Amino acid sequence: MISGYIQNGFMVEASRLFQAMISSSVKLDSITFASFLPSVAELASLKQGKEIHGYIVRHCVPLDVFLKTALIGVLPACAGLVALKLGKELHGNILKHGLDGRLHLGSALTDMYAKSGRLDLAHQVFERMFERDTICWNSMITSYSQNGKPEEAIDIFRQMGMAGAKYDCVSISAALSACANLPALHYGKEIHGFMIRSAFRSDLFAESALMDVYAKCGNLVLARRVFDMMEEKNEVSWNSIISAYGSHGCLQDSLVLFREMLGNGILPDRVTFLGILSAFGHAGQVDDGIFYFRCMIEEYGIPARLEHYACMVDLFGRAGRLSEAFETIKSMPFSPDSGVWGTLLGACRVHGNVELAEEASRHLFDVEPQNFGYYILLSNIHADAGKWGSVLKVRSLMKERGVQKVPGYSWIEVNNNTHMFVAADGSHPQSAQIYSMLKSLLLELRNEGYNPQPYLPTHPQTSGM
């Protein structure tokens, strides 16, 4: 009965039956656990997962083949729940029974640790595996890329080739995604060359990822060339090129491509409209953006998601229509996340709306109390308004909550080498020349009438100016 419920998606009913089984003092065996453990992720119940594992430990339930299968199935559930503690307990159980190093368990463990934010533990498990297949390598490349470590992802991609593992379309797409996040044009070109020489030239997802690399590296000509040379185009391909032009403020090009997409018989999806709405935001075309937002819902029957509402908030915010941006947030059928409130806070900084900035920051401090960027942004808004007492209150709140400001950094690619810079960095071998050039540029900017704003303001009575 439990298996039947789970296989048909009735997770709550399966949970109730499982609890009734325990209440009736019916002896639970490994098949019971194997049937029910995979449903823990769907139930999103960390507490229940711990209770199940506790029962296994207390009653010394033998880890036969059924329960081993269940443990493998529940590891991704731990990742989805960010239940690192439960994942470690299950890992310990695997170690006690001498199952570590196995390929299928190793892949599940690396995925669990990576999605829980522990790339160090994921890499330890990966290094101790007796054998590694393509899926395992792909998991590590993707994990590093999605966790803000694109250089490490590219390095693992290279190691994969040196180890003789076979690349597939997932490997290529994951590596290209890392190149786009770096961004590193020369790495992207190298992988592009590999795609041409191998069988990946006609892979739709890999080619779409390649377009994303070229677009994020600022080369729309190469992005369009990849698109035009594609033998087959699906909605992913069209979405990639539409978003590429939209992100560079080329609104008319995005709309022309959108019409061509419709003319080729491909219906738009939520990603298509996300790219279109973003393009309207960059171009400042508010009314047209509203029209396409309604068109998405009413004409194409695509329900607006959180990211679409975030685009609308950004659209209104860029145009200075902050009251409409705030009303959009209040009209959302679901709770806004930090991205939505952060967009509104950024618009308040641009247009100097202190009152609305306070409202947005209250929600942000509840959702992400350790994100220093929101405190800094609110502090800057108060400073621009001359409210230095409020600036000090924000700084005091940061100290009280133990929020640390992380140094900002940026990077640039010169002659196929990527150079990364931290704020106030002096470690670069050409730092003297760089700062000299920056000083000259700032002098020219001031001569043109530009007055640069400091990122973190200081009180005028203590700045020494």
Protein backbone atom coordinates (compact mmCIF):
# COMPACT_ATOMS: atom_id res chain seq x y z
CA MET A 1 0.00 0.00 0.00
CA ILE A 2 2.81 2.41 0.90
CA SER A 3 4.64 1.67 -2.36
CA GLY A 4 1.41 2.07 -4.32
CA TYR A 5 0.72 5.48 -2.81
CA ILE A 6 4.26 6.72 -3.46
CA GLN A 7 4.41 5.46 -7.05
CA ASN A 8 1.20 7.36 -7.79
CA GLY A 9 2.33 10.57 -6.11
CA PHE A 10 0.21 10.36 -2.94
CA MET A 11 3.03 11.19 -0.54
CA VAL A 12 0.87 12.45 2.33
CA GLU A 13 -1.29 9.33 2.26
CA ALA A 14 1.85 7.17 2.24
CA SER A 15 3.15 9.09 5.24
CA ARG A 16 -0.08 8.60 7.18
CA LEU A 17 -0.08 4.88 6.41
CA PHE A 18 3.54 4.61 7.53
CA GLN A 19 2.72 6.35 10.81
CA ALA A 20 -0.32 4.08 11.27
CA MET A 21 1.91 1.06 10.73
CA ILE A 22 4.21 2.23 13.53
CA SER A 23 1.25 2.98 15.83
CA SER A 24 -0.16 -0.51 15.23
CA SER A 25 3.12 -2.04 16.46
CA VAL A 26 3.63 -3.80 13.15
CA LYS A 27 7.26 -4.78 12.74
CA LEU A 28 9.05 -2.66 10.14
CA ASP A 29 11.56 -4.37 7.88
CA SER A 30 13.98 -3.18 5.24
CA ILE A 31 11.35 -3.38 2.50
CA THR A 32 9.20 -0.93 4.49
CA PHE A 33 12.05 1.55 4.66
CA ALA A 34 12.97 0.98 1.02
CA SER A 35 9.40 1.77 0.07
CA PHE A 36 9.06 4.90 2.17
CA LEU A 37 12.50 6.58 2.31
CA PRO A 38 12.39 8.00 -1.25
CA SER A 39 9.23 9.92 -0.35
CA VAL A 40 11.05 11.98 2.28
CA ALA A 41 12.15 14.50 -0.36
CA GLU A 42 8.64 14.92 -1.68
CA LEU A 43 7.29 15.37 1.83
CA ALA A 44 10.00 17.98 2.56
CA SER A 45 10.07 16.66 6.11
CA LEU A 46 13.54 16.65 7.60
CA LYS A 47 12.09 15.70 10.97
CA GLN A 48 10.45 12.61 9.50
CA GLY A 49 13.65 11.64 7.72
CA LYS A 50 15.56 11.80 11.01
CA GLU A 51 12.88 9.72 12.73
CA ILE A 52 13.17 7.01 10.09
CA HIS A 53 16.95 6.94 10.33
CA GLY A 54 16.74 6.90 14.14
CA TYR A 55 14.48 3.85 13.99
CA ILE A 56 17.01 2.07 11.74
CA VAL A 57 19.81 2.75 14.24
CA ARG A 58 17.79 1.89 17.40
CA HIS A 59 16.36 -1.34 16.05
CA CYS A 60 19.50 -2.45 14.17
CA VAL A 61 17.57 -3.02 10.96
CA PRO A 62 19.93 -4.96 8.66
CA LEU A 63 21.09 -3.10 5.54
CA ASP A 64 20.10 -5.68 2.98
CA VAL A 65 19.77 -4.91 -0.71
CA PHE A 66 16.38 -3.25 -0.32
CA LEU A 67 17.51 -0.81 2.33
CA LYS A 68 20.75 -0.09 0.48
CA THR A 69 18.65 0.92 -2.53
CA ALA A 70 16.53 3.16 -0.32
CA LEU A 71 19.60 4.87 1.13
CA ILE A 72 20.83 5.65 -2.36
CA GLY A 73 17.43 7.08 -3.19
CA VAL A 74 17.22 9.24 -0.09
CA LEU A 75 20.60 10.96 -0.58
CA PRO A 76 19.26 13.33 -3.25
CA ALA A 77 16.36 13.98 -0.87
CA CYS A 78 18.83 15.15 1.75
CA ALA A 79 20.27 17.56 -0.80
CA GLY A 80 16.86 18.92 -1.72
CA LEU A 81 16.07 19.52 1.94
CA VAL A 82 19.57 20.87 2.62
CA ALA A 83 19.55 18.28 5.38
CA LEU A 84 23.30 18.05 5.73
CA LYS A 85 23.13 16.43 9.14
CA LEU A 86 20.90 13.62 7.92
CA GLY A 87 23.12 13.19 4.86
CA LYS A 88 26.20 12.81 7.06
CA GLU A 89 24.42 10.23 9.21
CA LEU A 90 23.51 8.22 6.14
CA HIS A 91 27.08 8.56 4.88
CA GLY A 92 28.31 7.21 8.21
CA ASN A 93 25.95 4.28 7.85
CA ILE A 94 27.36 3.59 4.41
CA LEU A 95 30.93 3.70 5.77
CA LYS A 96 30.08 1.32 8.63
CA HIS A 97 28.80 -1.24 6.19
CA GLY A 98 31.81 -0.95 3.88
CA LEU A 99 29.88 0.49 0.94
CA ASP A 100 32.01 3.59 0.40
CA GLY A 101 33.86 3.99 -2.86
CA ARG A 102 31.07 2.39 -4.88
CA LEU A 103 30.26 4.28 -8.06
CA HIS A 104 26.49 4.68 -7.58
CA LEU A 105 26.78 5.67 -3.92
CA GLY A 106 29.72 7.98 -4.58
CA SER A 107 27.79 9.90 -7.22
CA ALA A 108 24.82 10.29 -4.88
CA LEU A 109 27.04 11.45 -2.01
CA THR A 110 28.94 14.02 -4.08
CA ASP A 111 25.64 15.40 -5.35
CA MET A 112 24.22 15.59 -1.82
CA TYR A 113 27.25 17.40 -0.37
CA ALA A 114 27.52 19.78 -3.33
CA LYS A 115 23.86 20.80 -3.13
CA SER A 116 24.26 21.30 0.59
CA GLY A 117 27.07 23.78 -0.09
CA ARG A 118 29.91 21.53 1.08
CA LEU A 119 32.05 21.26 -2.03
CA ASP A 120 35.03 20.27 0.12
CA LEU A 121 33.27 17.12 1.32
CA ALA A 122 31.93 16.43 -2.17
CA HIS A 123 35.49 16.56 -3.53
CA GLN A 124 36.77 14.26 -0.76
CA VAL A 125 34.17 11.63 -1.66
CA PHE A 126 34.98 12.11 -5.35
CA GLU A 127 38.72 11.60 -4.78
CA ARG A 128 38.15 8.37 -2.80
CA MET A 129 35.99 6.70 -5.44
CA PHE A 130 37.44 3.52 -6.96
CA GLU A 131 36.03 4.33 -10.39
CA ARG A 132 34.39 7.37 -11.96
CA ASP A 133 31.99 7.37 -14.86
CA THR A 134 30.86 10.29 -17.02
CA ILE A 135 27.88 11.00 -14.74
CA CYS A 136 30.16 11.39 -11.72
CA TRP A 137 32.53 13.76 -13.54
CA ASN A 138 29.56 15.78 -14.83
CA SER A 139 28.17 16.07 -11.33
CA MET A 140 31.40 17.60 -10.05
CA ILE A 141 31.75 20.02 -12.99
CA THR A 142 28.15 21.17 -12.58
CA SER A 143 28.47 21.48 -8.81
CA TYR A 144 31.52 23.74 -8.99
CA SER A 145 29.99 25.83 -11.76
CA GLN A 146 26.69 26.34 -9.93
CA ASN A 147 28.42 27.16 -6.63
CA GLY A 148 30.40 30.12 -7.92
CA LYS A 149 33.66 28.30 -8.69
CA PRO A 150 33.87 28.36 -12.50
CA GLU A 151 37.66 28.09 -12.69
CA GLU A 152 37.60 24.87 -10.64
CA ALA A 153 34.82 23.55 -12.88
CA ILE A 154 36.92 24.12 -15.99
CA ASP A 155 39.92 22.48 -14.29
CA ILE A 156 37.86 19.36 -13.50
CA PHE A 157 36.63 19.35 -17.12
CA ARG A 158 40.27 19.19 -18.23
CA GLN A 159 41.07 16.46 -15.69
CA MET A 160 38.13 14.48 -17.04
CA GLY A 161 39.66 14.48 -20.51
CA MET A 162 43.12 13.61 -19.20
CA ALA A 163 41.65 10.68 -17.25
CA GLY A 164 40.23 9.25 -20.46
CA ALA A 165 36.59 9.71 -19.45
CA LYS A 166 34.17 10.21 -22.30
CA TYR A 167 32.62 13.65 -22.67
CA ASP A 168 28.90 13.92 -23.38
CA CYS A 169 26.57 16.86 -24.06
CA VAL A 170 26.13 17.42 -20.30
CA SER A 171 29.91 17.72 -19.83
CA ILE A 172 30.16 20.26 -22.65
CA SER A 173 27.15 22.28 -21.47
CA ALA A 174 28.39 22.36 -17.86
CA ALA A 175 31.87 23.49 -18.90
CA LEU A 176 30.42 26.18 -21.17
CA SER A 177 28.22 27.37 -18.32
CA ALA A 178 31.37 27.77 -16.22
CA CYS A 179 32.99 29.77 -19.04
CA ALA A 180 29.95 32.05 -19.17
CA ASN A 181 30.08 32.60 -15.41
CA LEU A 182 33.79 33.48 -15.42
CA PRO A 183 33.46 34.90 -18.16
CA ALA A 184 36.30 33.50 -20.26
CA LEU A 185 36.05 33.89 -24.01
CA HIS A 186 39.22 31.93 -24.83
CA TYR A 187 38.03 28.87 -22.87
CA GLY A 188 34.72 29.06 -24.70
CA LYS A 189 36.47 29.19 -28.05
CA GLU A 190 38.59 26.17 -27.14
CA ILE A 191 35.49 24.14 -26.26
CA HIS A 192 33.80 25.43 -29.43
CA GLY A 193 36.73 24.05 -31.44
CA PHE A 194 36.39 20.72 -29.66
CA MET A 195 32.67 20.66 -30.49
CA ILE A 196 33.38 21.25 -34.18
CA ARG A 197 35.95 18.43 -34.27
CA SER A 198 33.66 15.98 -32.45
CA ALA A 199 30.02 14.97 -32.61
CA PHE A 200 28.75 17.79 -30.41
CA ARG A 201 28.43 20.36 -33.18
CA SER A 202 24.74 19.51 -33.65
CA ASP A 203 23.81 19.18 -29.97
CA LEU A 204 21.09 21.76 -29.31
CA PHE A 205 21.79 22.26 -25.61
CA ALA A 206 25.56 22.52 -26.03
CA GLU A 207 25.17 25.03 -28.87
CA SER A 208 22.70 27.07 -26.78
CA ALA A 209 25.23 27.12 -23.93
CA LEU A 210 27.89 28.25 -26.40
CA MET A 211 25.69 31.16 -27.48
CA ASP A 212 25.34 32.11 -23.82
CA VAL A 213 29.14 32.15 -23.42
CA TYR A 214 29.67 34.46 -26.39
CA ALA A 215 26.82 36.75 -25.31
CA LYS A 216 28.07 37.08 -21.72
CA CYS A 217 31.57 37.76 -23.02
CA GLY A 218 30.11 40.63 -25.06
CA ASN A 219 30.48 39.07 -28.51
CA LEU A 220 26.99 39.09 -30.05
CA VAL A 221 28.45 38.55 -33.54
CA LEU A 222 29.80 35.10 -32.62
CA ALA A 223 26.64 34.27 -30.66
CA ARG A 224 24.52 35.04 -33.72
CA ARG A 225 26.89 33.11 -35.98
CA VAL A 226 26.46 29.99 -33.83
CA PHE A 227 22.69 30.45 -33.96
CA ASP A 228 22.57 30.93 -37.74
CA MET A 229 24.74 27.85 -38.36
CA MET A 230 22.59 25.54 -36.23
CA GLU A 231 21.10 22.76 -38.35
CA GLU A 232 18.09 22.52 -36.07
CA LYS A 233 16.61 25.08 -33.69
CA ASN A 234 14.23 24.47 -30.79
CA GLU A 235 12.74 26.78 -28.16
CA VAL A 236 15.98 26.61 -26.12
CA SER A 237 17.99 27.91 -29.08
CA TRP A 238 15.57 30.74 -29.79
CA ASN A 239 15.38 31.66 -26.09
CA SER A 240 19.18 31.83 -25.87
CA ILE A 241 19.60 34.24 -28.76
CA ILE A 242 16.59 36.39 -27.75
CA SER A 243 17.97 36.70 -24.21
CA ALA A 244 21.46 37.45 -25.57
CA TYR A 245 20.24 40.47 -27.52
CA GLY A 246 17.91 41.54 -24.71
CA SER A 247 20.66 41.52 -22.08
CA HIS A 248 22.71 43.88 -24.28
CA GLY A 249 19.82 46.34 -24.63
CA CYS A 250 19.09 45.39 -28.27
CA LEU A 251 15.32 45.41 -27.82
CA GLN A 252 14.34 45.61 -31.49
CA ASP A 253 16.60 42.68 -32.41
CA SER A 254 14.99 40.62 -29.63
CA LEU A 255 11.49 41.43 -30.90
CA VAL A 256 12.45 40.61 -34.52
CA LEU A 257 13.79 37.23 -33.36
CA PHE A 258 10.64 36.68 -31.29
CA ARG A 259 8.47 37.18 -34.39
CA GLU A 260 10.75 34.90 -36.44
CA MET A 261 10.38 32.27 -33.73
CA LEU A 262 6.59 32.46 -34.00
CA GLY A 263 6.86 32.38 -37.81
CA ASN A 264 8.82 29.12 -37.59
CA GLY A 265 5.97 27.51 -35.66
CA ILE A 266 7.70 27.45 -32.27
CA LEU A 267 5.55 28.62 -29.38
CA PRO A 268 7.16 30.80 -26.70
CA ASP A 269 7.49 29.56 -23.13
CA ARG A 270 8.15 31.25 -19.78
CA VAL A 271 11.88 31.60 -20.58
CA THR A 272 11.11 33.37 -23.85
CA PHE A 273 9.05 36.01 -22.11
CA LEU A 274 11.65 36.32 -19.38
CA GLY A 275 14.16 37.38 -22.03
CA ILE A 276 11.67 39.76 -23.67
CA LEU A 277 10.67 41.40 -20.37
CA SER A 278 14.31 41.81 -19.42
CA ALA A 279 14.97 43.49 -22.78
CA PHE A 280 12.14 45.96 -22.17
CA GLY A 281 13.62 46.70 -18.75
CA HIS A 282 17.05 47.50 -20.22
CA ALA A 283 15.44 49.69 -22.91
CA GLY A 284 13.10 51.47 -20.47
CA GLN A 285 9.97 50.59 -22.48
CA VAL A 286 7.53 50.24 -19.57
CA ASP A 287 4.18 50.25 -21.36
CA ASP A 288 5.30 47.73 -23.99
CA GLY A 289 6.67 45.55 -21.19
CA ILE A 290 3.27 45.60 -19.46
CA PHE A 291 1.63 44.63 -22.74
CA TYR A 292 3.87 41.60 -23.26
CA PHE A 293 3.47 40.56 -19.59
CA ARG A 294 -0.32 40.49 -20.05
CA CYS A 295 0.07 38.84 -23.45
CA MET A 296 2.08 36.00 -21.84
CA ILE A 297 -0.71 35.30 -19.35
CA GLU A 298 -3.84 36.00 -21.39
CA GLU A 299 -2.90 35.02 -24.95
CA TYR A 300 -0.44 32.18 -24.38
CA GLY A 301 -1.77 30.91 -21.04
CA ILE A 302 1.65 30.97 -19.38
CA PRO A 303 1.31 31.71 -15.64
CA ALA A 304 3.66 34.38 -14.35
CA ARG A 305 6.36 33.07 -12.04
CA LEU A 306 8.47 34.79 -9.46
CA GLU A 307 11.14 35.72 -11.99
CA HIS A 308 8.57 37.38 -14.27
CA TYR A 309 7.32 39.54 -11.41
CA ALA A 310 10.94 40.40 -10.59
CA CYS A 311 11.36 41.62 -14.20
CA MET A 312 8.26 43.80 -13.85
CA VAL A 313 9.52 45.26 -10.57
CA ASP A 314 12.82 46.02 -12.32
CA LEU A 315 10.95 47.51 -15.29
CA PHE A 316 9.01 49.93 -13.07
CA GLY A 317 12.01 50.61 -10.84
CA ARG A 318 14.32 51.63 -13.69
CA ALA A 319 11.68 54.07 -14.92
CA GLY A 320 11.26 55.61 -11.46
CA ARG A 321 7.70 54.31 -11.08
CA LEU A 322 8.40 52.95 -7.62
CA SER A 323 4.81 52.97 -6.36
CA GLU A 324 3.82 50.67 -9.26
CA ALA A 325 6.80 48.46 -8.52
CA PHE A 326 5.67 48.16 -4.90
CA GLU A 327 2.07 47.45 -5.96
CA THR A 328 3.37 44.70 -8.27
CA ILE A 329 5.10 43.04 -5.32
CA LYS A 330 1.94 43.26 -3.19
CA SER A 331 -0.16 41.76 -6.01
CA MET A 332 2.05 38.69 -6.40
CA PRO A 333 0.18 35.41 -5.73
CA PHE A 334 3.17 34.09 -3.76
CA SER A 335 5.68 35.43 -1.27
CA PRO A 336 8.40 37.61 -2.86
CA ASP A 337 11.97 36.44 -2.40
CA SER A 338 15.11 38.45 -1.68
CA GLY A 339 15.71 39.00 -5.39
CA VAL A 340 12.42 40.89 -5.78
CA TRP A 341 12.89 43.03 -2.66
CA GLY A 342 16.55 43.60 -3.59
CA THR A 343 15.51 44.89 -7.02
CA LEU A 344 13.15 47.36 -5.37
CA LEU A 345 15.85 48.45 -2.90
CA GLY A 346 18.28 49.09 -5.75
CA ALA A 347 15.67 51.21 -7.54
CA CYS A 348 15.12 53.19 -4.33
CA ARG A 349 18.84 53.98 -4.27
CA VAL A 350 18.75 55.30 -7.83
CA HIS A 351 15.67 57.43 -7.27
CA GLY A 352 16.26 58.41 -3.64
CA ASN A 353 13.09 56.95 -2.08
CA VAL A 354 14.10 56.50 1.57
CA GLU A 355 10.68 55.47 2.90
CA LEU A 356 10.19 52.63 0.43
CA ALA A 357 13.82 51.59 0.91
CA GLU A 358 13.10 51.09 4.62
CA GLU A 359 10.12 48.90 3.77
CA ALA A 360 12.12 46.77 1.33
CA SER A 361 15.07 46.42 3.71
CA ARG A 362 12.84 45.18 6.54
CA HIS A 363 11.80 42.24 4.39
CA LEU A 364 15.36 41.66 3.15
CA PHE A 365 16.81 41.58 6.67
CA ASP A 366 14.24 38.93 7.59
CA VAL A 367 14.90 36.79 4.50
CA GLU A 368 18.70 37.15 4.31
CA PRO A 369 19.92 38.66 7.60
CA GLN A 370 23.61 37.93 6.80
CA ASN A 371 23.72 39.46 3.32
CA PHE A 372 25.97 42.50 3.81
CA GLY A 373 25.03 44.01 0.44
CA TYR A 374 21.55 45.01 1.56
CA TYR A 375 22.87 46.76 4.67
CA ILE A 376 25.43 48.66 2.59
CA LEU A 377 22.80 49.66 0.04
CA LEU A 378 20.42 50.95 2.74
CA SER A 379 23.32 52.79 4.39
CA ASN A 380 24.14 54.49 1.08
CA ILE A 381 20.50 55.51 0.58
CA HIS A 382 20.43 57.20 4.00
CA ALA A 383 23.77 58.85 3.29
CA ASP A 384 22.55 60.27 -0.02
CA ALA A 385 19.59 61.76 1.88
CA GLY A 386 21.91 63.22 4.52
CA LYS A 387 20.48 61.03 7.31
CA TRP A 388 23.78 60.23 9.02
CA GLY A 389 22.08 59.08 12.22
CA SER A 390 20.31 56.35 10.21
CA VAL A 391 23.63 55.41 8.60
CA LEU A 392 25.11 54.79 12.04
CA LYS A 393 22.03 52.73 13.04
CA VAL A 394 22.49 50.47 10.02
CA ARG A 395 26.18 49.99 10.83
CA SER A 396 25.30 49.21 14.46
CA LEU A 397 22.76 46.64 13.27
CA MET A 398 25.48 45.02 11.14
CA LYS A 399 27.79 44.77 14.16
CA GLU A 400 25.00 43.45 16.35
CA ARG A 401 24.17 40.68 13.88
CA GLY A 402 27.81 39.92 13.10
CA VAL A 403 27.45 40.78 9.42
CA GLN A 404 30.85 41.02 7.70
CA LYS A 405 31.43 43.01 4.53
CA VAL A 406 33.01 40.78 1.89
CA PRO A 407 35.44 42.62 -0.42
CA GLY A 408 34.07 43.20 -3.88
CA TYR A 409 35.95 41.83 -6.90
CA SER A 410 35.84 42.02 -10.66
CA TRP A 411 37.72 40.44 -13.52
CA ILE A 412 38.78 41.22 -17.07
CA GLU A 413 40.21 39.09 -19.88
CA VAL A 414 43.34 40.41 -21.62
CA ASN A 415 45.27 38.39 -24.21
CA ASN A 416 43.53 35.14 -23.24
CA ASN A 417 44.36 35.63 -19.54
CA THR A 418 41.73 36.37 -16.90
CA HIS A 419 42.78 38.91 -14.26
CA MET A 420 40.79 39.12 -11.03
CA PHE A 421 40.85 42.19 -8.78
CA VAL A 422 39.69 42.58 -5.19
CA ALA A 423 38.76 46.02 -3.87
CA ALA A 424 41.91 47.95 -2.87
CA ASP A 425 44.02 45.09 -4.25
CA GLY A 426 47.74 45.71 -4.66
CA SER A 427 48.86 42.17 -5.46
CA HIS A 428 48.71 42.44 -9.25
CA PRO A 429 52.20 42.86 -10.77
CA GLN A 430 50.98 45.86 -12.77
CA SER A 431 48.97 47.44 -9.94
CA ALA A 432 51.01 50.68 -10.01
CA GLN A 433 50.22 51.26 -13.69
CA ILE A 434 46.59 50.26 -13.17
CA TYR A 435 46.02 52.71 -10.32
CA SER A 436 47.82 55.44 -12.26
CA MET A 437 45.47 54.91 -15.18
CA LEU A 438 42.41 54.88 -12.88
CA LYS A 439 43.55 58.15 -11.32
CA SER A 440 43.84 59.75 -14.77
CA LEU A 441 40.38 58.50 -15.73
CA LEU A 442 38.85 59.86 -12.51
CA LEU A 443 40.41 63.27 -13.14
CA GLU A 444 38.93 63.31 -16.64
CA LEU A 445 35.53 62.27 -15.26
CA ARG A 446 35.58 65.07 -12.70
CA ASN A 447 36.52 67.56 -15.43
CA GLU A 448 33.42 66.41 -17.31
CA GLY A 449 31.30 67.10 -14.22
CA TYR A 450 30.95 63.57 -12.83
CA ASN A 451 31.13 63.21 -9.04
CA PRO A 452 31.71 59.53 -8.14
CA GLN A 453 29.73 58.18 -5.19
CA PRO A 454 31.62 56.10 -2.60
CA TYR A 455 30.30 52.55 -2.17
CA LEU A 456 30.38 52.70 1.63
CA PRO A 457 29.82 56.26 2.87
CA THR A 458 31.58 57.75 5.85
CA HIS A 459 30.18 60.30 8.27
CA PRO A 460 31.23 63.80 7.14
CA GLN A 461 32.42 64.65 10.64
CA THR A 462 34.79 61.66 10.74
CA SER A 463 35.98 61.43 7.14
CA GLY A 464 38.67 64.09 7.52
CA MET A 465 37.29 66.07 4.54
